[in-house]
PDB file of N, CA and C in Angstrom:
ATOM      1  N   MET A   1       0.811  -1.182   0.000  1.00  0.00           N
ATOM      2  CA  MET A   1       0.000   0.000   0.000  1.00  0.00           C
ATOM      3  C   MET A   1       0.861   1.254   0.000  1.00  0.00           C
ATOM      4  N   SER A   2       1.962   1.205   0.724  1.00  0.00           N
ATOM      5  CA  SER A   2       2.830   2.381   0.734  1.00  0.00           C
ATOM      6  C   SER A   2       3.370   2.652  -0.660  1.00  0.00           C
ATOM      7  N   ASN A   3       3.495   1.597  -1.460  1.00  0.00           N
ATOM      8  CA  ASN A   3       3.933   1.764  -2.846  1.00  0.00           C
ATOM      9  C   ASN A   3       2.898   2.558  -3.631  1.00  0.00           C
ATOM     10  N   ASP A   4       1.584   2.267  -3.405  1.00  0.00           N
ATOM     11  CA  ASP A   4       0.522   3.012  -4.080  1.00  0.00           C
ATOM     12  C   ASP A   4       0.549   4.475  -3.681  1.00  0.00           C
ATOM     13  N   ILE A   5       0.727   4.728  -2.381  1.00  0.00           N
ATOM     14  CA  ILE A   5       0.752   6.097  -1.892  1.00  0.00           C
ATOM     15  C   ILE A   5       1.968   6.831  -2.441  1.00  0.00           C
ATOM     16  N   SER A   6       3.111   6.141  -2.488  1.00  0.00           N
ATOM     17  CA  SER A   6       4.310   6.803  -3.015  1.00  0.00           C
ATOM     18  C   SER A   6       4.165   7.083  -4.505  1.00  0.00           C
ATOM     19  N   GLN A   7       3.467   6.205  -5.246  1.00  0.00           N
ATOM     20  CA  GLN A   7       3.239   6.458  -6.666  1.00  0.00           C
ATOM     21  C   GLN A   7       2.379   7.702  -6.857  1.00  0.00           C
ATOM     22  N   VAL A   8       1.347   7.841  -6.020  1.00  0.00           N
ATOM     23  CA  VAL A   8       0.496   9.027  -6.103  1.00  0.00           C
ATOM     24  C   VAL A   8       1.306  10.263  -5.740  1.00  0.00           C
ATOM     25  N   GLY A   9       2.131  10.148  -4.682  1.00  0.00           N
ATOM     26  CA  GLY A   9       2.977  11.272  -4.279  1.00  0.00           C
ATOM     27  C   GLY A   9       3.950  11.661  -5.364  1.00  0.00           C
ATOM     28  N   ASN A  10       4.554  10.662  -6.010  1.00  0.00           N
ATOM     29  CA  ASN A  10       5.478  10.953  -7.110  1.00  0.00           C
ATOM     30  C   ASN A  10       4.755  11.608  -8.271  1.00  0.00           C
ATOM     31  N   GLY A  11       3.547  11.157  -8.545  1.00  0.00           N
ATOM     32  CA  GLY A  11       2.763  11.763  -9.623  1.00  0.00           C
ATOM     33  C   GLY A  11       2.421  13.207  -9.332  1.00  0.00           C
ATOM     34  N   LEU A  12       2.063  13.493  -8.073  1.00  0.00           N
ATOM     35  CA  LEU A  12       1.737  14.871  -7.703  1.00  0.00           C
ATOM     36  C   LEU A  12       2.980  15.753  -7.715  1.00  0.00           C
ATOM     37  N   GLN A  13       4.151  15.201  -7.322  1.00  0.00           N
ATOM     38  CA  GLN A  13       5.388  15.970  -7.392  1.00  0.00           C
ATOM     39  C   GLN A  13       5.743  16.286  -8.832  1.00  0.00           C
ATOM     40  N   ALA A  14       5.592  15.298  -9.709  1.00  0.00           N
ATOM     41  CA  ALA A  14       5.871  15.522 -11.126  1.00  0.00           C
ATOM     42  C   ALA A  14       4.899  16.550 -11.692  1.00  0.00           C
ATOM     43  N   LEU A  15       3.661  16.507 -11.226  1.00  0.00           N
ATOM     44  CA  LEU A  15       2.660  17.476 -11.674  1.00  0.00           C
ATOM     45  C   LEU A  15       3.066  18.883 -11.283  1.00  0.00           C
ATOM     46  N   SER A  16       3.507  19.072 -10.051  1.00  0.00           N
ATOM     47  CA  SER A  16       3.896  20.416  -9.621  1.00  0.00           C
ATOM     48  C   SER A  16       5.139  20.888 -10.372  1.00  0.00           C
ATOM     49  N   ALA A  17       6.052  19.977 -10.687  1.00  0.00           N
ATOM     50  CA  ALA A  17       7.245  20.357 -11.444  1.00  0.00           C
ATOM     51  C   ALA A  17       6.870  20.748 -12.874  1.00  0.00           C
ATOM     52  N   LYS A  18       5.952  20.007 -13.482  1.00  0.00           N
ATOM     53  CA  LYS A  18       5.536  20.310 -14.854  1.00  0.00           C
ATOM     54  C   LYS A  18       4.698  21.578 -14.916  1.00  0.00           C
ATOM     55  N   SER A  19       3.862  21.789 -13.870  1.00  0.00           N
ATOM     56  CA  SER A  19       2.989  22.958 -13.929  1.00  0.00           C
ATOM     57  C   SER A  19       3.768  24.251 -13.779  1.00  0.00           C
ATOM     58  N   SER A  20       4.969  24.177 -13.203  1.00  0.00           N
ATOM     59  CA  SER A  20       5.766  25.394 -13.064  1.00  0.00           C
ATOM     60  C   SER A  20       6.440  25.771 -14.380  1.00  0.00           C
ATOM     61  N   ALA A  21       6.579  24.823 -15.289  1.00  0.00           N
ATOM     62  CA  ALA A  21       7.175  25.114 -16.589  1.00  0.00           C
ATOM     63  C   ALA A  21       6.100  25.691 -17.502  1.00  0.00           C
ATOM     64  N   PRO A  22       6.288  26.918 -17.994  1.00  0.00           N
ATOM     65  CA  PRO A  22       5.262  27.531 -18.828  1.00  0.00           C
ATOM     66  C   PRO A  22       5.146  26.830 -20.181  1.00  0.00           C
ATOM     67  N   GLY A  23       3.885  26.634 -20.597  1.00  0.00           N
ATOM     68  CA  GLY A  23       3.631  26.091 -21.920  1.00  0.00           C
ATOM     69  C   GLY A  23       3.896  24.605 -22.059  1.00  0.00           C
ATOM     70  N   SER A  24       4.073  23.874 -20.966  1.00  0.00           N
ATOM     71  CA  SER A  24       4.320  22.437 -21.099  1.00  0.00           C
ATOM     72  C   SER A  24       2.985  21.726 -21.239  1.00  0.00           C
ATOM     73  N   LYS A  25       2.774  21.113 -22.371  1.00  0.00           N
ATOM     74  CA  LYS A  25       1.517  20.425 -22.655  1.00  0.00           C
ATOM     75  C   LYS A  25       1.622  18.933 -22.364  1.00  0.00           C
ATOM     76  N   ASP A  26       2.807  18.351 -22.444  1.00  0.00           N
ATOM     77  CA  ASP A  26       2.960  16.928 -22.194  1.00  0.00           C
ATOM     78  C   ASP A  26       3.309  16.709 -20.731  1.00  0.00           C
ATOM     79  N   GLY A  27       3.066  15.507 -20.270  1.00  0.00           N
ATOM     80  CA  GLY A  27       3.334  15.204 -18.875  1.00  0.00           C
ATOM     81  C   GLY A  27       2.036  15.069 -18.103  1.00  0.00           C
ATOM     82  N   PRO A  28       2.132  14.776 -16.815  1.00  0.00           N
ATOM     83  CA  PRO A  28       0.933  14.553 -16.016  1.00  0.00           C
ATOM     84  C   PRO A  28       0.147  15.834 -15.787  1.00  0.00           C
ATOM     85  N   THR A  29      -1.128  15.703 -15.707  1.00  0.00           N
ATOM     86  CA  THR A  29      -2.002  16.819 -15.404  1.00  0.00           C
ATOM     87  C   THR A  29      -2.722  16.524 -14.102  1.00  0.00           C
ATOM     88  N   LEU A  30      -3.384  17.511 -13.566  1.00  0.00           N
ATOM     89  CA  LEU A  30      -4.115  17.318 -12.321  1.00  0.00           C
ATOM     90  C   LEU A  30      -5.224  16.293 -12.506  1.00  0.00           C
ATOM     91  N   SER A  31      -5.907  16.351 -13.622  1.00  0.00           N
ATOM     92  CA  SER A  31      -6.977  15.387 -13.860  1.00  0.00           C
ATOM     93  C   SER A  31      -6.421  13.974 -13.967  1.00  0.00           C
ATOM     94  N   ARG A  32      -5.234  13.814 -14.562  1.00  0.00           N
ATOM     95  CA  ARG A  32      -4.618  12.486 -14.661  1.00  0.00           C
ATOM     96  C   ARG A  32      -4.211  11.974 -13.278  1.00  0.00           C
ATOM     97  N   ALA A  33      -3.735  12.877 -12.413  1.00  0.00           N
ATOM     98  CA  ALA A  33      -3.365  12.467 -11.053  1.00  0.00           C
ATOM     99  C   ALA A  33      -4.590  11.975 -10.293  1.00  0.00           C
ATOM    100  N   PHE A  34      -5.706  12.698 -10.413  1.00  0.00           N
ATOM    101  CA  PHE A  34      -6.937  12.259  -9.761  1.00  0.00           C
ATOM    102  C   PHE A  34      -7.442  10.954 -10.370  1.00  0.00           C
ATOM    103  N   GLU A  35      -7.319  10.828 -11.668  1.00  0.00           N
ATOM    104  CA  GLU A  35      -7.747   9.609 -12.336  1.00  0.00           C
ATOM    105  C   GLU A  35      -6.955   8.404 -11.829  1.00  0.00           C
ATOM    106  N   GLN A  36      -5.651   8.571 -11.628  1.00  0.00           N
ATOM    107  CA  GLN A  36      -4.821   7.488 -11.099  1.00  0.00           C
ATOM    108  C   GLN A  36      -5.260   7.096  -9.694  1.00  0.00           C
ATOM    109  N   ILE A  37      -5.556   8.089  -8.868  1.00  0.00           N
ATOM    110  CA  ILE A  37      -6.000   7.803  -7.508  1.00  0.00           C
ATOM    111  C   ILE A  37      -7.312   7.025  -7.542  1.00  0.00           C
ATOM    112  N   PHE A  38      -8.252   7.450  -8.390  1.00  0.00           N
ATOM    113  CA  PHE A  38      -9.537   6.755  -8.499  1.00  0.00           C
ATOM    114  C   PHE A  38      -9.351   5.321  -8.983  1.00  0.00           C
ATOM    115  N   GLU A  39      -8.503   5.136  -9.990  1.00  0.00           N
ATOM    116  CA  GLU A  39      -8.277   3.802 -10.542  1.00  0.00           C
ATOM    117  C   GLU A  39      -7.651   2.870  -9.506  1.00  0.00           C
ATOM    118  N   GLU A  40      -6.649   3.351  -8.788  1.00  0.00           N
ATOM    119  CA  GLU A  40      -5.991   2.522  -7.778  1.00  0.00           C
ATOM    120  C   GLU A  40      -6.956   2.154  -6.652  1.00  0.00           C
ATOM    121  N   THR A  41      -7.787   3.104  -6.254  1.00  0.00           N
ATOM    122  CA  THR A  41      -8.770   2.831  -5.208  1.00  0.00           C
ATOM    123  C   THR A  41      -9.773   1.795  -5.680  1.00  0.00           C
ATOM    124  N   ALA A  42     -10.253   1.936  -6.897  1.00  0.00           N
ATOM    125  CA  ALA A  42     -11.209   0.973  -7.438  1.00  0.00           C
ATOM    126  C   ALA A  42     -10.600  -0.424  -7.536  1.00  0.00           C
ATOM    127  N   LYS A  43      -9.342  -0.508  -7.970  1.00  0.00           N
ATOM    128  CA  LYS A  43      -8.666  -1.805  -8.057  1.00  0.00           C
ATOM    129  C   LYS A  43      -8.511  -2.437  -6.682  1.00  0.00           C
ATOM    130  N   ASN A  44      -8.126  -1.627  -5.692  1.00  0.00           N
ATOM    131  CA  ASN A  44      -7.937  -2.160  -4.342  1.00  0.00           C
ATOM    132  C   ASN A  44      -9.250  -2.646  -3.746  1.00  0.00           C
ATOM    133  N   ILE A  45     -10.323  -1.916  -3.966  1.00  0.00           N
ATOM    134  CA  ILE A  45     -11.627  -2.329  -3.448  1.00  0.00           C
ATOM    135  C   ILE A  45     -12.101  -3.603  -4.144  1.00  0.00           C
ATOM    136  N   GLN A  46     -11.904  -3.682  -5.458  1.00  0.00           N
ATOM    137  CA  GLN A  46     -12.307  -4.869  -6.198  1.00  0.00           C
ATOM    138  C   GLN A  46     -11.515  -6.084  -5.736  1.00  0.00           C
ATOM    139  N   LYS A  47     -10.207  -5.929  -5.527  1.00  0.00           N
ATOM    140  CA  LYS A  47      -9.377  -7.037  -5.062  1.00  0.00           C
ATOM    141  C   LYS A  47      -9.805  -7.483  -3.675  1.00  0.00           C
ATOM    142  N   ALA A  48     -10.142  -6.540  -2.802  1.00  0.00           N
ATOM    143  CA  ALA A  48     -10.605  -6.890  -1.461  1.00  0.00           C
ATOM    144  C   ALA A  48     -11.916  -7.673  -1.531  1.00  0.00           C
ATOM    145  N   ASP A  49     -12.821  -7.252  -2.404  1.00  0.00           N
ATOM    146  CA  ASP A  49     -14.083  -7.966  -2.562  1.00  0.00           C
ATOM    147  C   ASP A  49     -13.862  -9.390  -3.075  1.00  0.00           C
ATOM    148  N   GLU A  50     -12.988  -9.513  -4.084  1.00  0.00           N
ATOM    149  CA  GLU A  50     -12.707 -10.836  -4.647  1.00  0.00           C
ATOM    150  C   GLU A  50     -12.048 -11.759  -3.625  1.00  0.00           C
ATOM    151  N   THR A  51     -11.114 -11.227  -2.857  1.00  0.00           N
ATOM    152  CA  THR A  51     -10.411 -12.027  -1.859  1.00  0.00           C
ATOM    153  C   THR A  51     -11.362 -12.463  -0.753  1.00  0.00           C
ATOM    154  N   ALA A  52     -12.227 -11.567  -0.310  1.00  0.00           N
ATOM    155  CA  ALA A  52     -13.202 -11.920   0.728  1.00  0.00           C
ATOM    156  C   ALA A  52     -14.177 -12.971   0.207  1.00  0.00           C
ATOM    157  N   LEU A  53     -14.586 -12.833  -1.036  1.00  0.00           N
ATOM    158  CA  LEU A  53     -15.494 -13.814  -1.625  1.00  0.00           C
ATOM    159  C   LEU A  53     -14.830 -15.179  -1.738  1.00  0.00           C
ATOM    160  N   GLN A  54     -13.568 -15.194  -2.159  1.00  0.00           N
ATOM    161  CA  GLN A  54     -12.828 -16.461  -2.241  1.00  0.00           C
ATOM    162  C   GLN A  54     -12.689 -17.103  -0.865  1.00  0.00           C
ATOM    163  N   MET A  55     -12.391 -16.300   0.132  1.00  0.00           N
ATOM    164  CA  MET A  55     -12.218 -16.835   1.471  1.00  0.00           C
ATOM    165  C   MET A  55     -13.533 -17.417   1.999  1.00  0.00           C
ATOM    166  N   ASN A  56     -14.631 -16.715   1.768  1.00  0.00           N
ATOM    167  CA  ASN A  56     -15.931 -17.182   2.248  1.00  0.00           C
ATOM    168  C   ASN A  56     -16.421 -18.413   1.515  1.00  0.00           C
ATOM    169  N   SER A  57     -16.032 -18.576   0.271  1.00  0.00           N
ATOM    170  CA  SER A  57     -16.493 -19.724  -0.507  1.00  0.00           C
ATOM    171  C   SER A  57     -15.530 -20.903  -0.426  1.00  0.00           C
ATOM    172  N   GLY A  58     -14.504 -20.793   0.402  1.00  0.00           N
ATOM    173  CA  GLY A  58     -13.568 -21.904   0.571  1.00  0.00           C
ATOM    174  C   GLY A  58     -12.526 -21.971  -0.522  1.00  0.00           C
ATOM    175  N   GLY A  59     -12.248 -20.854  -1.164  1.00  0.00           N
ATOM    176  CA  GLY A  59     -11.271 -20.824  -2.241  1.00  0.00           C
ATOM    177  C   GLY A  59      -9.844 -20.820  -1.724  1.00  0.00           C
ATOM    178  N   GLU A  60      -8.941 -20.385  -2.566  1.00  0.00           N
ATOM    179  CA  GLU A  60      -7.516 -20.414  -2.245  1.00  0.00           C
ATOM    180  C   GLU A  60      -7.091 -19.320  -1.266  1.00  0.00           C
ATOM    181  N   ALA A  61      -7.836 -18.240  -1.173  1.00  0.00           N
ATOM    182  CA  ALA A  61      -7.440 -17.113  -0.318  1.00  0.00           C
ATOM    183  C   ALA A  61      -7.561 -17.503   1.149  1.00  0.00           C
ATOM    184  N   ASP A  62      -6.626 -17.028   1.950  1.00  0.00           N
ATOM    185  CA  ASP A  62      -6.711 -17.277   3.387  1.00  0.00           C
ATOM    186  C   ASP A  62      -7.025 -15.971   4.114  1.00  0.00           C
ATOM    187  N   LEU A  63      -7.150 -16.069   5.410  1.00  0.00           N
ATOM    188  CA  LEU A  63      -7.540 -14.929   6.224  1.00  0.00           C
ATOM    189  C   LEU A  63      -6.547 -13.777   6.117  1.00  0.00           C
ATOM    190  N   HIS A  64      -5.256 -14.095   6.101  1.00  0.00           N
ATOM    191  CA  HIS A  64      -4.235 -13.048   6.044  1.00  0.00           C
ATOM    192  C   HIS A  64      -4.334 -12.252   4.741  1.00  0.00           C
ATOM    193  N   GLU A  65      -4.489 -12.936   3.632  1.00  0.00           N
ATOM    194  CA  GLU A  65      -4.614 -12.251   2.342  1.00  0.00           C
ATOM    195  C   GLU A  65      -5.854 -11.369   2.313  1.00  0.00           C
ATOM    196  N   ALA A  66      -6.950 -11.888   2.846  1.00  0.00           N
ATOM    197  CA  ALA A  66      -8.190 -11.115   2.855  1.00  0.00           C
ATOM    198  C   ALA A  66      -8.053  -9.868   3.719  1.00  0.00           C
ATOM    199  N   MET A  67      -7.445 -10.005   4.878  1.00  0.00           N
ATOM    200  CA  MET A  67      -7.280  -8.848   5.766  1.00  0.00           C
ATOM    201  C   MET A  67      -6.345  -7.804   5.155  1.00  0.00           C
ATOM    202  N   ILE A  68      -5.268  -8.258   4.528  1.00  0.00           N
ATOM    203  CA  ILE A  68      -4.339  -7.318   3.886  1.00  0.00           C
ATOM    204  C   ILE A  68      -5.036  -6.586   2.748  1.00  0.00           C
ATOM    205  N   ALA A  69      -5.791  -7.302   1.929  1.00  0.00           N
ATOM    206  CA  ALA A  69      -6.504  -6.671   0.816  1.00  0.00           C
ATOM    207  C   ALA A  69      -7.540  -5.670   1.318  1.00  0.00           C
ATOM    208  N   MET A  70      -8.237  -6.021   2.411  1.00  0.00           N
ATOM    209  CA  MET A  70      -9.240  -5.100   2.954  1.00  0.00           C
ATOM    210  C   MET A  70      -8.588  -3.860   3.557  1.00  0.00           C
ATOM    211  N   GLU A  71      -7.456  -4.015   4.199  1.00  0.00           N
ATOM    212  CA  GLU A  71      -6.755  -2.855   4.763  1.00  0.00           C
ATOM    213  C   GLU A  71      -6.221  -1.947   3.656  1.00  0.00           C
ATOM    214  N   LYS A  72      -5.717  -2.549   2.579  1.00  0.00           N
ATOM    215  CA  LYS A  72      -5.255  -1.736   1.439  1.00  0.00           C
ATOM    216  C   LYS A  72      -6.412  -0.928   0.873  1.00  0.00           C
ATOM    217  N   ALA A  73      -7.569  -1.580   0.722  1.00  0.00           N
ATOM    218  CA  ALA A  73      -8.738  -0.886   0.187  1.00  0.00           C
ATOM    219  C   ALA A  73      -9.180   0.229   1.125  1.00  0.00           C
ATOM    220  N   ASP A  74      -9.148  -0.040   2.432  1.00  0.00           N
ATOM    221  CA  ASP A  74      -9.551   0.966   3.408  1.00  0.00           C
ATOM    222  C   ASP A  74      -8.622   2.173   3.383  1.00  0.00           C
ATOM    223  N   ILE A  75      -7.329   1.929   3.383  1.00  0.00           N
ATOM    224  CA  ILE A  75      -6.358   3.028   3.370  1.00  0.00           C
ATOM    225  C   ILE A  75      -6.447   3.807   2.056  1.00  0.00           C
ATOM    226  N   SER A  76      -6.622   3.096   0.963  1.00  0.00           N
ATOM    227  CA  SER A  76      -6.737   3.745  -0.337  1.00  0.00           C
ATOM    228  C   SER A  76      -7.977   4.636  -0.395  1.00  0.00           C
ATOM    229  N   LEU A  77      -9.076   4.147   0.145  1.00  0.00           N
ATOM    230  CA  LEU A  77     -10.305   4.937   0.158  1.00  0.00           C
ATOM    231  C   LEU A  77     -10.158   6.154   1.062  1.00  0.00           C
ATOM    232  N   ARG A  78      -9.499   5.988   2.209  1.00  0.00           N
ATOM    233  CA  ARG A  78      -9.265   7.131   3.098  1.00  0.00           C
ATOM    234  C   ARG A  78      -8.397   8.187   2.416  1.00  0.00           C
ATOM    235  N   LEU A  79      -7.375   7.740   1.690  1.00  0.00           N
ATOM    236  CA  LEU A  79      -6.519   8.671   0.949  1.00  0.00           C
ATOM    237  C   LEU A  79      -7.333   9.425  -0.092  1.00  0.00           C
ATOM    238  N   LEU A  80      -8.178   8.719  -0.812  1.00  0.00           N
ATOM    239  CA  LEU A  80      -9.021   9.339  -1.835  1.00  0.00           C
ATOM    240  C   LEU A  80      -9.926  10.400  -1.219  1.00  0.00           C
ATOM    241  N   VAL A  81     -10.530  10.094  -0.092  1.00  0.00           N
ATOM    242  CA  VAL A  81     -11.425  11.044   0.568  1.00  0.00           C
ATOM    243  C   VAL A  81     -10.651  12.277   1.032  1.00  0.00           C
ATOM    244  N   GLN A  82      -9.453  12.081   1.570  1.00  0.00           N
ATOM    245  CA  GLN A  82      -8.652  13.215   2.025  1.00  0.00           C
ATOM    246  C   GLN A  82      -8.213  14.093   0.856  1.00  0.00           C
ATOM    247  N   VAL A  83      -7.834  13.474  -0.252  1.00  0.00           N
ATOM    248  CA  VAL A  83      -7.447  14.257  -1.441  1.00  0.00           C
ATOM    249  C   VAL A  83      -8.643  15.052  -1.944  1.00  0.00           C
ATOM    250  N   ARG A  84      -9.811  14.412  -1.960  1.00  0.00           N
ATOM    251  CA  ARG A  84     -11.020  15.121  -2.379  1.00  0.00           C
ATOM    252  C   ARG A  84     -11.324  16.286  -1.455  1.00  0.00           C
ATOM    253  N   ASN A  85     -11.213  16.066  -0.143  1.00  0.00           N
ATOM    254  CA  ASN A  85     -11.474  17.139   0.818  1.00  0.00           C
ATOM    255  C   ASN A  85     -10.519  18.307   0.626  1.00  0.00           C
ATOM    256  N   LYS A  86      -9.252  18.011   0.391  1.00  0.00           N
ATOM    257  CA  LYS A  86      -8.273  19.082   0.175  1.00  0.00           C
ATOM    258  C   LYS A  86      -8.566  19.844  -1.117  1.00  0.00           C
ATOM    259  N   ALA A  87      -8.988  19.127  -2.150  1.00  0.00           N
ATOM    260  CA  ALA A  87      -9.323  19.783  -3.415  1.00  0.00           C
ATOM    261  C   ALA A  87     -10.540  20.684  -3.244  1.00  0.00           C
ATOM    262  N   VAL A  88     -11.532  20.228  -2.510  1.00  0.00           N
ATOM    263  CA  VAL A  88     -12.727  21.042  -2.269  1.00  0.00           C
ATOM    264  C   VAL A  88     -12.368  22.264  -1.434  1.00  0.00           C
ATOM    265  N   ASP A  89     -11.534  22.081  -0.418  1.00  0.00           N
ATOM    266  CA  ASP A  89     -11.098  23.213   0.404  1.00  0.00           C
ATOM    267  C   ASP A  89     -10.329  24.242  -0.431  1.00  0.00           C
ATOM    268  N   ALA A  90      -9.462  23.757  -1.314  1.00  0.00           N
ATOM    269  CA  ALA A  90      -8.711  24.671  -2.181  1.00  0.00           C
ATOM    270  C   ALA A  90      -9.651  25.432  -3.107  1.00  0.00           C
ATOM    271  N   TYR A  91     -10.643  24.739  -3.650  1.00  0.00           N
ATOM    272  CA  TYR A  91     -11.624  25.386  -4.523  1.00  0.00           C
ATOM    273  C   TYR A  91     -12.395  26.464  -3.767  1.00  0.00           C
ATOM    274  N   LYS A  92     -12.822  26.140  -2.549  1.00  0.00           N
ATOM    275  CA  LYS A  92     -13.553  27.121  -1.745  1.00  0.00           C
ATOM    276  C   LYS A  92     -12.689  28.339  -1.433  1.00  0.00           C
ATOM    277  N   GLU A  93     -11.424  28.095  -1.140  1.00  0.00           N
ATOM    278  CA  GLU A  93     -10.513  29.197  -0.852  1.00  0.00           C
ATOM    279  C   GLU A  93     -10.330  30.093  -2.077  1.00  0.00           C
ATOM    280  N   ILE A  94     -10.216  29.499  -3.230  1.00  0.00           N
ATOM    281  CA  ILE A  94     -10.067  30.277  -4.471  1.00  0.00           C
ATOM    282  C   ILE A  94     -11.340  31.084  -4.739  1.00  0.00           C
ATOM    283  N   MET A  95     -12.497  30.485  -4.473  1.00  0.00           N
ATOM    284  CA  MET A  95     -13.758  31.190  -4.717  1.00  0.00           C
ATOM    285  C   MET A  95     -13.930  32.358  -3.743  1.00  0.00           C
ATOM    286  N   ARG A  96     -13.314  32.300  -2.575  1.00  0.00           N
ATOM    287  CA  ARG A  96     -13.410  33.407  -1.611  1.00  0.00           C
ATOM    288  C   ARG A  96     -12.468  34.555  -1.938  1.00  0.00           C
ATOM    289  N   MET A  97     -11.514  34.317  -2.820  1.00  0.00           N
ATOM    290  CA  MET A  97     -10.556  35.377  -3.170  1.00  0.00           C
ATOM    291  C   MET A  97     -11.266  36.516  -3.893  1.00  0.00           C
ATOM    292  N   GLN A  98     -10.837  37.711  -3.570  1.00  0.00           N
ATOM    293  CA  GLN A  98     -11.391  38.879  -4.247  1.00  0.00           C
ATOM    294  C   GLN A  98     -10.512  39.213  -5.433  1.00  0.00           C
ATOM    295  N   VAL A  99     -11.162  39.504  -6.535  1.00  0.00           N
ATOM    296  CA  VAL A  99     -10.423  39.792  -7.754  1.00  0.00           C
ATOM    297  C   VAL A  99     -10.275  41.272  -7.955  1.00  0.00           C
TER     298      VAL A  99
END
């Protein structure tokens, strides 16, 4: 899971580096960074669901795998919610600025 978080962090760092360069059209964008976070969260939740289903149906998954997958999904979802909250707060702050 820390690998997922570090990938998102690296993507956001690359985004800030690219956004400071004027006229750079290639490279990561803010929407792509959010898209990556959404995709990783969806994958983690789907994997947790599949692992729990396998464990309940007597499949190959064991309790440890199911718990790890569920914790990854939980942490990923919490990260997504925090990123969303920060984005909404930033938007509200920008809207309060006087022009």
